[in-house]
Amino acid sequence: MVGWGTEYEDYDKFPYWGGGFKLGQTDSILSVFENIGVEAYATNPGPFNSAWDRTCEVYASLTGRVVDYGEAHSKNHNHERYGFSYEGRALMGEPWNLQDKINLLGYSFGSEVARLLTSLLAFGNEEELAATGGETSELFKGGYNSINACITLSAPHNGTPLANVLVDTKVPMMFLATVFHFIGCTFGNNIGPVSLQLGHFGVTPKQGQERAEFSLAKLYNYYKSGDNCGYDMTIRGARELNDMIKMSPDTYYYSFSTYSTVLNEESGRQDIVGNTNLMFIPTSLILKSMEGLKVDGVDLVGDWVINDGVISLASSRFPDVDEAFAKSYKEVMLKKEEIKKGIWYYMEPIFKMDHFDFCGIEDFPTTMEDFYFDLIDIVKANSK
C-alpha cells in the first residue's frame, strides 16, 4: 500500500526499499541483492488498488503485457477491463515466460498480492474462464508451477481493524476517493513519487492522457465498488480474499511478523515501545483502544491487540483458513524436519520492529542487510 519507485520512474534518490525517508540515503535493498549476485526487482502496482487489481498489474509488468483485470471482475466492479500497457518494457527486461521459477516477496498488503498471484497462476479462476473462454488472460487459466517461494512480511493476512475504522465510518474513504480524483483531474496520474493508477475507474488519467475528466459518477462508483485496498484489508475483506486464495502445492511459503507493543502488567493493556516510528503511534493507539471489541465477528483480544503499529500478530503469521497447513519454522528446525511445499512456515515474531522496518527505514544497511541475507539463505537452503 502506497508503494513507489521502480525503474519506470526516476526516484533513485528516494528508494522505497531501503530507507527512502533518510536524507542522503541512495542505496536500496535491491542494490544489496545485486551486490551479492541475487537478481531482484521491485514492482509498482496501483498503491491503493485492490489485491485483485494489483495482482493483474504485477502480472502484466512481469510478462510485458497490457493489464487485463478480467471481464467478470471488471463488470462486477463497473470499471474498464484493460489498464496500462507494459509491452516492450517488461519489469525483468525480457517478458517472463511463466516457466522459469521466481520468488515473490510481499511486504504488508503486497503480501496478499504475492499470495493471489501464486494462487491464480496455479489454479486460475473459473469465473473469468466462463466469461471469456479462449480470450481469457493466461493469469486466469491456471496450470503454472511458476512460483518457487511466496514470502510475506508484516502481512494483513486476516485483515486489520484499522481498515475497518476507515471503511466502516465511510467518511475517510469518501475523502480519499475525492482527493484521488482531484489529483487525477488537476495534476495527472502522479503525485510526488506515487503513481495512483486508477485510470480503469476514470478517477485518474488513462495511459497517454494528461489529466482525467471530472465525473461525480465515476468518483462515486470508485467509492462504492469496494474494489480497493481499504476494503480488502478489513477483517471481512481479508476473509473473502482468503476464501478465494488457494495454497499451491508446488510453492514454499514463509511469513515474518513484527511487533512493537508490550503488555503493561499494571493496566493489563499493550504499551508502545519507544522506538516505534512516530507515524505509527496514533494507529497503534487506535488498535490499543479497540481491545475487547468485536469486529466482523472477531474478538479483539490477545494477539489481535499485539501489533507493529498497523498489523496485529493474529493477522501477520498466516491466514486463518490455512491454519491446518501452518508450522513454526523454529520448531521444525529444532526437530530437524524437512521443509515442504504447500505449508506455511511462520518465523518467531521480531520484537521492537514497527510496520515500516522491513523496508529498511531503520538501521539500514546493517540490521536490515543481515535480515535479507538470512532470508536468501533460508530460501536457497530449502528450495528443491
Protein backbone atom coordinates (compact mmCIF):
# COMPACT_ATOMS: atom_id res chain seq x y z
CA MET A 1 0.00 0.00 0.00
CA VAL A 2 1.32 3.43 -1.06
CA GLY A 3 4.36 1.90 -2.70
CA TRP A 4 6.56 3.68 -5.24
CA GLY A 5 9.87 3.64 -7.03
CA THR A 6 10.77 1.20 -9.80
CA GLU A 7 12.97 1.65 -12.83
CA TYR A 8 9.87 3.01 -14.55
CA GLU A 9 10.17 6.19 -12.52
CA ASP A 10 13.06 8.48 -11.65
CA TYR A 11 13.20 8.11 -7.88
CA ASP A 12 16.60 6.50 -7.41
CA LYS A 13 17.40 9.02 -4.67
CA PHE A 14 14.22 8.19 -2.81
CA PRO A 15 14.11 4.38 -2.70
CA TYR A 16 11.09 2.72 -1.13
CA TRP A 17 13.07 -0.43 -0.39
CA GLY A 18 15.94 0.87 1.69
CA GLY A 19 15.41 3.96 3.75
CA GLY A 20 13.83 6.42 1.36
CA PHE A 21 12.93 8.73 4.24
CA LYS A 22 16.56 9.16 5.23
CA LEU A 23 18.11 12.22 3.62
CA GLY A 24 21.13 11.27 1.56
CA GLN A 25 20.30 7.54 1.58
CA THR A 26 20.67 6.36 -2.01
CA ASP A 27 21.33 2.65 -1.53
CA SER A 28 18.45 0.20 -1.52
CA ILE A 29 17.80 -3.38 -0.58
CA LEU A 30 17.68 -4.11 -4.31
CA SER A 31 21.26 -2.89 -4.68
CA VAL A 32 22.28 -5.06 -1.72
CA PHE A 33 20.81 -8.06 -3.52
CA GLU A 34 22.58 -7.09 -6.73
CA ASN A 35 25.93 -6.77 -4.95
CA ILE A 36 25.75 -10.39 -3.80
CA GLY A 37 24.58 -11.72 -7.16
CA VAL A 38 20.87 -12.03 -6.43
CA GLU A 39 18.60 -10.75 -9.21
CA ALA A 40 15.77 -8.69 -7.68
CA TYR A 41 13.12 -6.27 -8.93
CA ALA A 42 10.54 -4.00 -7.31
CA THR A 43 7.04 -3.96 -8.76
CA ASN A 44 4.88 -0.85 -8.70
CA PRO A 45 1.15 -1.65 -8.84
CA GLY A 46 -1.54 0.92 -8.04
CA PRO A 47 -0.81 1.95 -4.43
CA PHE A 48 -4.47 1.99 -3.35
CA ASN A 49 -5.85 -0.66 -5.69
CA SER A 50 -7.40 -3.94 -4.56
CA ALA A 51 -5.40 -7.13 -4.24
CA TRP A 52 -7.02 -8.42 -7.44
CA ASP A 53 -6.26 -5.31 -9.48
CA ARG A 54 -2.72 -5.10 -8.15
CA THR A 55 -2.11 -8.77 -8.95
CA CYS A 56 -3.19 -8.17 -12.55
CA GLU A 57 -0.87 -5.16 -12.72
CA VAL A 58 2.12 -7.07 -11.33
CA TYR A 59 1.48 -9.95 -13.74
CA ALA A 60 1.35 -7.56 -16.72
CA SER A 61 4.58 -5.86 -15.67
CA LEU A 62 6.35 -9.21 -15.38
CA THR A 63 5.09 -10.60 -18.69
CA GLY A 64 5.26 -7.35 -20.65
CA ARG A 65 1.54 -7.21 -21.48
CA VAL A 66 -1.42 -4.88 -21.20
CA VAL A 67 -3.04 -5.06 -17.76
CA ASP A 68 -6.15 -7.28 -18.02
CA TYR A 69 -8.34 -7.08 -14.92
CA GLY A 70 -10.61 -9.82 -16.24
CA GLU A 71 -14.01 -9.47 -17.89
CA ALA A 72 -16.01 -10.85 -14.94
CA HIS A 73 -14.18 -8.87 -12.28
CA SER A 74 -14.39 -5.62 -14.27
CA LYS A 75 -18.14 -5.98 -14.81
CA ASN A 76 -18.69 -6.83 -11.14
CA HIS A 77 -16.93 -3.61 -10.10
CA ASN A 78 -18.01 -1.42 -13.01
CA HIS A 79 -14.60 -0.45 -14.32
CA GLU A 80 -12.77 -0.97 -17.60
CA ARG A 81 -11.23 -4.36 -18.31
CA TYR A 82 -7.85 -3.11 -19.55
CA GLY A 83 -5.32 -0.79 -17.93
CA PHE A 84 -1.72 0.31 -18.53
CA SER A 85 0.48 -1.38 -21.12
CA TYR A 86 3.86 -2.87 -20.25
CA GLU A 87 4.51 -4.03 -23.79
CA GLY A 88 8.17 -3.55 -24.63
CA ARG A 89 9.06 -2.71 -21.03
CA ALA A 90 8.77 -5.90 -19.01
CA LEU A 91 10.00 -5.50 -15.44
CA MET A 92 12.83 -8.03 -15.77
CA GLY A 93 13.92 -6.82 -19.20
CA GLU A 94 12.58 -9.81 -21.09
CA PRO A 95 8.94 -10.92 -20.69
CA TRP A 96 8.59 -13.64 -18.09
CA ASN A 97 7.72 -16.96 -19.77
CA LEU A 98 5.97 -18.43 -16.67
CA GLN A 99 8.32 -21.41 -16.92
CA ASP A 100 11.38 -20.02 -15.14
CA LYS A 101 10.54 -20.03 -11.44
CA ILE A 102 10.71 -16.85 -9.40
CA ASN A 103 10.36 -15.98 -5.71
CA LEU A 104 7.72 -13.47 -4.63
CA LEU A 105 8.43 -11.24 -1.64
CA GLY A 106 5.44 -9.26 -0.41
CA TYR A 107 5.53 -6.61 2.28
CA SER A 108 2.35 -5.57 4.13
CA PHE A 109 -0.59 -5.50 1.66
CA GLY A 110 1.84 -6.62 -1.05
CA SER A 111 1.83 -9.98 0.71
CA GLU A 112 -1.75 -10.58 -0.38
CA VAL A 113 -0.74 -9.76 -3.96
CA ALA A 114 2.05 -12.35 -3.76
CA ARG A 115 -0.38 -14.95 -2.43
CA LEU A 116 -3.06 -14.20 -5.01
CA LEU A 117 -0.60 -14.22 -7.91
CA THR A 118 0.71 -17.60 -6.77
CA SER A 119 -2.83 -18.95 -6.47
CA LEU A 120 -4.07 -17.68 -9.84
CA LEU A 121 -1.05 -18.99 -11.72
CA ALA A 122 -1.53 -22.42 -10.16
CA PHE A 123 -5.34 -22.73 -10.22
CA GLY A 124 -6.72 -19.96 -12.42
CA ASN A 125 -10.17 -18.50 -11.94
CA GLU A 126 -13.33 -20.29 -13.11
CA GLU A 127 -15.44 -17.13 -13.28
CA GLU A 128 -13.02 -15.44 -15.68
CA LEU A 129 -12.73 -18.57 -17.82
CA ALA A 130 -16.51 -18.78 -18.06
CA ALA A 131 -16.72 -15.10 -19.05
CA THR A 132 -14.17 -15.07 -21.87
CA GLY A 133 -13.17 -18.64 -22.72
CA GLY A 134 -10.22 -18.72 -25.11
CA GLU A 135 -9.71 -14.96 -24.79
CA THR A 136 -9.01 -15.27 -21.07
CA SER A 137 -5.68 -13.96 -19.79
CA GLU A 138 -3.11 -16.66 -19.03
CA LEU A 139 -3.19 -15.40 -15.46
CA PHE A 140 -6.69 -16.79 -15.03
CA LYS A 141 -6.16 -20.13 -16.83
CA GLY A 142 -4.04 -21.82 -14.15
CA GLY A 143 -1.76 -24.82 -14.53
CA TYR A 144 1.50 -22.95 -13.99
CA ASN A 145 4.09 -24.09 -11.45
CA SER A 146 5.81 -20.71 -11.60
CA ILE A 147 6.47 -19.61 -8.02
CA ASN A 148 9.26 -21.23 -6.03
CA ALA A 149 8.64 -19.35 -2.76
CA CYS A 150 5.99 -16.93 -1.54
CA ILE A 151 7.38 -14.82 1.31
CA THR A 152 5.33 -12.38 3.37
CA LEU A 153 6.47 -9.59 5.69
CA SER A 154 4.13 -7.95 8.24
CA ALA A 155 1.14 -9.13 6.25
CA PRO A 156 -2.55 -8.37 6.90
CA HIS A 157 -3.48 -11.98 6.12
CA ASN A 158 -6.55 -11.76 8.32
CA GLY A 159 -7.08 -8.02 7.92
CA THR A 160 -6.53 -5.15 10.32
CA PRO A 161 -9.15 -3.38 12.49
CA LEU A 162 -7.64 -0.08 11.32
CA ALA A 163 -9.09 -0.74 7.87
CA ASN A 164 -12.47 -1.37 9.43
CA VAL A 165 -12.28 2.05 11.07
CA LEU A 166 -11.51 3.68 7.70
CA VAL A 167 -14.09 1.77 5.68
CA ASP A 168 -16.98 1.42 8.11
CA THR A 169 -17.02 5.08 9.13
CA LYS A 170 -17.28 5.84 5.36
CA VAL A 171 -16.13 9.47 5.55
CA PRO A 172 -12.36 8.73 5.32
CA MET A 173 -12.81 6.53 2.23
CA MET A 174 -15.03 9.11 0.51
CA PHE A 175 -12.49 11.80 1.36
CA LEU A 176 -9.63 9.73 -0.10
CA ALA A 177 -11.59 8.97 -3.26
CA THR A 178 -12.28 12.70 -3.69
CA VAL A 179 -8.61 13.55 -3.17
CA PHE A 180 -7.52 10.95 -5.75
CA HIS A 181 -9.98 12.31 -8.32
CA PHE A 182 -8.90 15.89 -7.61
CA ILE A 183 -5.27 14.87 -8.18
CA GLY A 184 -6.20 12.99 -11.34
CA CYS A 185 -8.12 15.95 -12.76
CA THR A 186 -5.58 18.58 -11.70
CA PHE A 187 -2.11 17.04 -11.78
CA GLY A 188 -2.49 13.75 -13.62
CA ASN A 189 -1.60 10.22 -12.57
CA ASN A 190 1.37 11.01 -10.34
CA ILE A 191 1.66 12.92 -7.09
CA GLY A 192 5.26 13.11 -5.88
CA PRO A 193 6.76 9.62 -6.15
CA VAL A 194 3.37 7.88 -6.06
CA SER A 195 1.68 6.73 -9.29
CA LEU A 196 -2.04 6.36 -8.48
CA GLN A 197 -3.02 4.14 -11.46
CA LEU A 198 -6.79 4.48 -11.15
CA GLY A 199 -7.38 5.06 -14.86
CA HIS A 200 -9.56 1.95 -15.21
CA PHE A 201 -12.05 3.65 -12.88
CA GLY A 202 -11.70 7.01 -14.62
CA VAL A 203 -10.57 8.55 -11.32
CA THR A 204 -7.09 9.34 -12.68
CA PRO A 205 -5.95 9.57 -16.33
CA LYS A 206 -5.65 6.53 -18.56
CA GLN A 207 -2.25 5.83 -20.05
CA GLY A 208 -1.47 8.53 -22.61
CA GLN A 209 -3.88 11.05 -21.11
CA GLU A 210 -2.57 14.12 -19.30
CA ARG A 211 -5.49 14.51 -16.89
CA ALA A 212 -8.76 12.79 -16.04
CA GLU A 213 -12.13 14.36 -16.75
CA PHE A 214 -14.12 15.29 -13.67
CA SER A 215 -17.05 12.93 -13.07
CA LEU A 216 -19.09 12.61 -9.90
CA ALA A 217 -20.46 9.32 -11.22
CA LYS A 218 -17.00 7.78 -11.63
CA LEU A 219 -15.88 9.14 -8.28
CA TYR A 220 -18.92 7.66 -6.53
CA ASN A 221 -18.57 4.35 -8.38
CA TYR A 222 -14.98 4.00 -7.21
CA TYR A 223 -16.01 4.77 -3.64
CA LYS A 224 -18.91 2.31 -3.69
CA SER A 225 -17.19 -0.51 -5.60
CA GLY A 226 -15.20 -1.89 -2.66
CA ASP A 227 -12.51 -2.72 -5.22
CA ASN A 228 -9.69 -1.10 -3.24
CA CYS A 229 -7.06 -1.93 -0.66
CA GLY A 230 -9.10 -0.38 2.16
CA TYR A 231 -11.89 -2.93 1.88
CA ASP A 232 -9.51 -5.85 1.24
CA MET A 233 -7.69 -5.04 4.48
CA THR A 234 -10.82 -5.08 6.63
CA ILE A 235 -11.31 -8.29 8.57
CA ARG A 236 -14.26 -9.33 6.40
CA GLY A 237 -12.48 -8.27 3.20
CA ALA A 238 -9.44 -10.35 4.14
CA ARG A 239 -11.73 -13.27 4.90
CA GLU A 240 -13.20 -13.02 1.39
CA LEU A 241 -9.71 -12.92 -0.10
CA ASN A 242 -8.66 -15.95 1.94
CA ASP A 243 -11.67 -17.90 0.68
CA MET A 244 -10.53 -17.18 -2.88
CA ILE A 245 -6.78 -17.73 -2.49
CA LYS A 246 -5.53 -21.30 -2.57
CA MET A 247 -2.13 -22.57 -1.47
CA SER A 248 -0.05 -24.01 -4.26
CA PRO A 249 1.34 -27.49 -3.51
CA ASP A 250 4.40 -26.56 -5.59
CA THR A 251 5.39 -23.44 -3.63
CA TYR A 252 7.23 -22.83 -0.36
CA TYR A 253 5.53 -20.36 2.00
CA TYR A 254 7.32 -18.27 4.65
CA SER A 255 5.97 -15.47 6.84
CA PHE A 256 7.73 -12.92 9.04
CA SER A 257 5.99 -10.85 11.71
CA THR A 258 6.93 -7.82 13.78
CA TYR A 259 5.52 -6.17 16.87
CA SER A 260 6.31 -3.04 18.82
CA THR A 261 3.97 -3.26 21.80
CA VAL A 262 4.38 -4.94 25.18
CA LEU A 263 1.90 -5.89 27.89
CA ASN A 264 1.72 -3.48 30.81
CA GLU A 265 1.20 -5.73 33.84
CA GLU A 266 -0.47 -2.96 35.86
CA SER A 267 -3.01 -1.79 33.28
CA GLY A 268 -3.38 -5.14 31.51
CA ARG A 269 -3.08 -3.36 28.16
CA GLN A 270 -0.42 -3.05 25.49
CA ASP A 271 2.12 -0.22 25.71
CA ILE A 272 4.02 1.08 22.67
CA VAL A 273 7.80 0.68 22.85
CA GLY A 274 9.88 3.83 22.50
CA ASN A 275 11.50 3.16 19.11
CA THR A 276 8.22 2.95 17.19
CA ASN A 277 8.10 5.34 14.23
CA LEU A 278 6.09 8.45 15.11
CA MET A 279 3.69 7.88 12.21
CA PHE A 280 2.57 4.61 13.81
CA ILE A 281 1.96 5.93 17.32
CA PRO A 282 -1.62 7.12 16.55
CA THR A 283 -2.53 3.92 14.69
CA SER A 284 -1.13 1.75 17.46
CA LEU A 285 -3.15 3.74 19.99
CA ILE A 286 -6.30 3.14 17.94
CA LEU A 287 -5.62 -0.61 17.92
CA LYS A 288 -4.97 -0.45 21.66
CA SER A 289 -8.27 1.36 22.26
CA MET A 290 -10.20 -1.32 20.34
CA GLU A 291 -9.20 -4.11 22.72
CA GLY A 292 -12.23 -6.13 23.78
CA LEU A 293 -14.42 -5.04 20.87
CA LYS A 294 -15.88 -7.48 18.34
CA VAL A 295 -15.23 -6.51 14.71
CA ASP A 296 -16.56 -8.55 11.81
CA GLY A 297 -17.18 -11.41 14.23
CA VAL A 298 -13.65 -11.36 15.70
CA ASP A 299 -12.96 -10.62 19.38
CA LEU A 300 -10.04 -8.19 19.55
CA VAL A 301 -8.10 -9.77 22.39
CA GLY A 302 -4.72 -11.46 22.79
CA ASP A 303 -2.69 -11.49 19.57
CA TRP A 304 -5.24 -9.21 17.92
CA VAL A 305 -4.03 -6.43 20.24
CA ILE A 306 -0.27 -7.04 19.99
CA ASN A 307 0.78 -5.07 16.90
CA ASP A 308 3.51 -3.31 14.93
CA GLY A 309 1.55 -0.10 14.65
CA VAL A 310 -0.64 -1.32 11.77
CA ILE A 311 -0.93 -5.12 11.74
CA SER A 312 -1.76 -7.44 14.64
CA LEU A 313 0.20 -10.62 15.31
CA ALA A 314 -3.01 -12.57 14.86
CA SER A 315 -3.05 -11.42 11.26
CA SER A 316 0.59 -11.49 10.17
CA ARG A 317 1.57 -15.09 10.96
CA PHE A 318 -0.62 -16.90 8.42
CA PRO A 319 -4.18 -16.84 7.05
CA ASP A 320 -6.64 -18.39 9.49
CA VAL A 321 -8.07 -20.50 6.68
CA ASP A 322 -4.67 -22.19 6.28
CA GLU A 323 -4.14 -22.97 9.97
CA ALA A 324 -4.08 -26.73 9.30
CA PHE A 325 -1.12 -26.14 6.98
CA ALA A 326 0.96 -23.87 9.22
CA LYS A 327 4.03 -24.71 11.30
CA SER A 328 6.53 -22.83 13.41
CA TYR A 329 9.78 -22.62 11.45
CA LYS A 330 11.75 -22.61 14.70
CA GLU A 331 10.13 -25.81 15.94
CA VAL A 332 10.57 -27.52 12.58
CA MET A 333 14.27 -26.64 12.61
CA LEU A 334 14.69 -27.92 16.18
CA LYS A 335 13.09 -31.22 15.19
CA LYS A 336 15.21 -31.29 12.02
CA GLU A 337 12.13 -31.87 9.90
CA GLU A 338 12.12 -31.37 6.16
CA ILE A 339 10.75 -28.07 4.83
CA LYS A 340 7.92 -28.94 2.48
CA LYS A 341 5.95 -27.13 -0.18
CA GLY A 342 2.34 -26.13 0.45
CA ILE A 343 2.97 -25.40 4.16
CA TRP A 344 3.10 -22.03 5.91
CA TYR A 345 6.33 -21.71 7.91
CA TYR A 346 5.98 -18.75 10.25
CA MET A 347 9.03 -17.26 11.92
CA GLU A 348 9.32 -16.10 15.51
CA PRO A 349 7.86 -12.56 15.69
CA ILE A 350 10.54 -9.86 15.81
CA PHE A 351 10.12 -7.56 18.81
CA LYS A 352 10.79 -3.80 18.72
CA MET A 353 10.28 -3.56 14.96
CA ASP A 354 7.42 -1.44 13.69
CA HIS A 355 5.49 -1.82 10.45
CA PHE A 356 7.96 0.08 8.27
CA ASP A 357 11.19 -1.54 9.41
CA PHE A 358 11.19 -4.30 6.79
CA CYS A 359 11.61 -1.57 4.17
CA GLY A 360 14.92 -0.67 5.78
CA ILE A 361 13.76 2.64 7.19
CA GLU A 362 15.60 1.96 10.45
CA ASP A 363 19.11 0.55 10.87
CA PHE A 364 19.74 0.07 7.14
CA PRO A 365 22.13 -1.17 5.86
CA THR A 366 23.15 -3.09 8.97
CA THR A 367 20.25 -4.89 10.66
CA MET A 368 18.10 -4.98 7.53
CA GLU A 369 21.00 -6.05 5.35
CA ASP A 370 21.62 -9.01 7.65
CA PHE A 371 17.92 -9.85 7.69
CA TYR A 372 17.76 -10.12 3.91
CA PHE A 373 20.99 -12.13 3.78
CA ASP A 374 19.38 -14.63 6.18
CA LEU A 375 16.18 -14.65 4.14
CA ILE A 376 18.10 -15.51 0.97
CA ASP A 377 19.88 -18.33 2.81
CA ILE A 378 16.55 -19.77 4.00
CA VAL A 379 15.05 -19.74 0.51
CA LYS A 380 18.16 -21.23 -1.09
CA ALA A 381 18.67 -23.93 1.55
CA ASN A 382 15.14 -25.27 1.31
CA SER A 383 14.47 -24.99 -2.44
CA LYS A 384 14.47 -28.21 -4.41
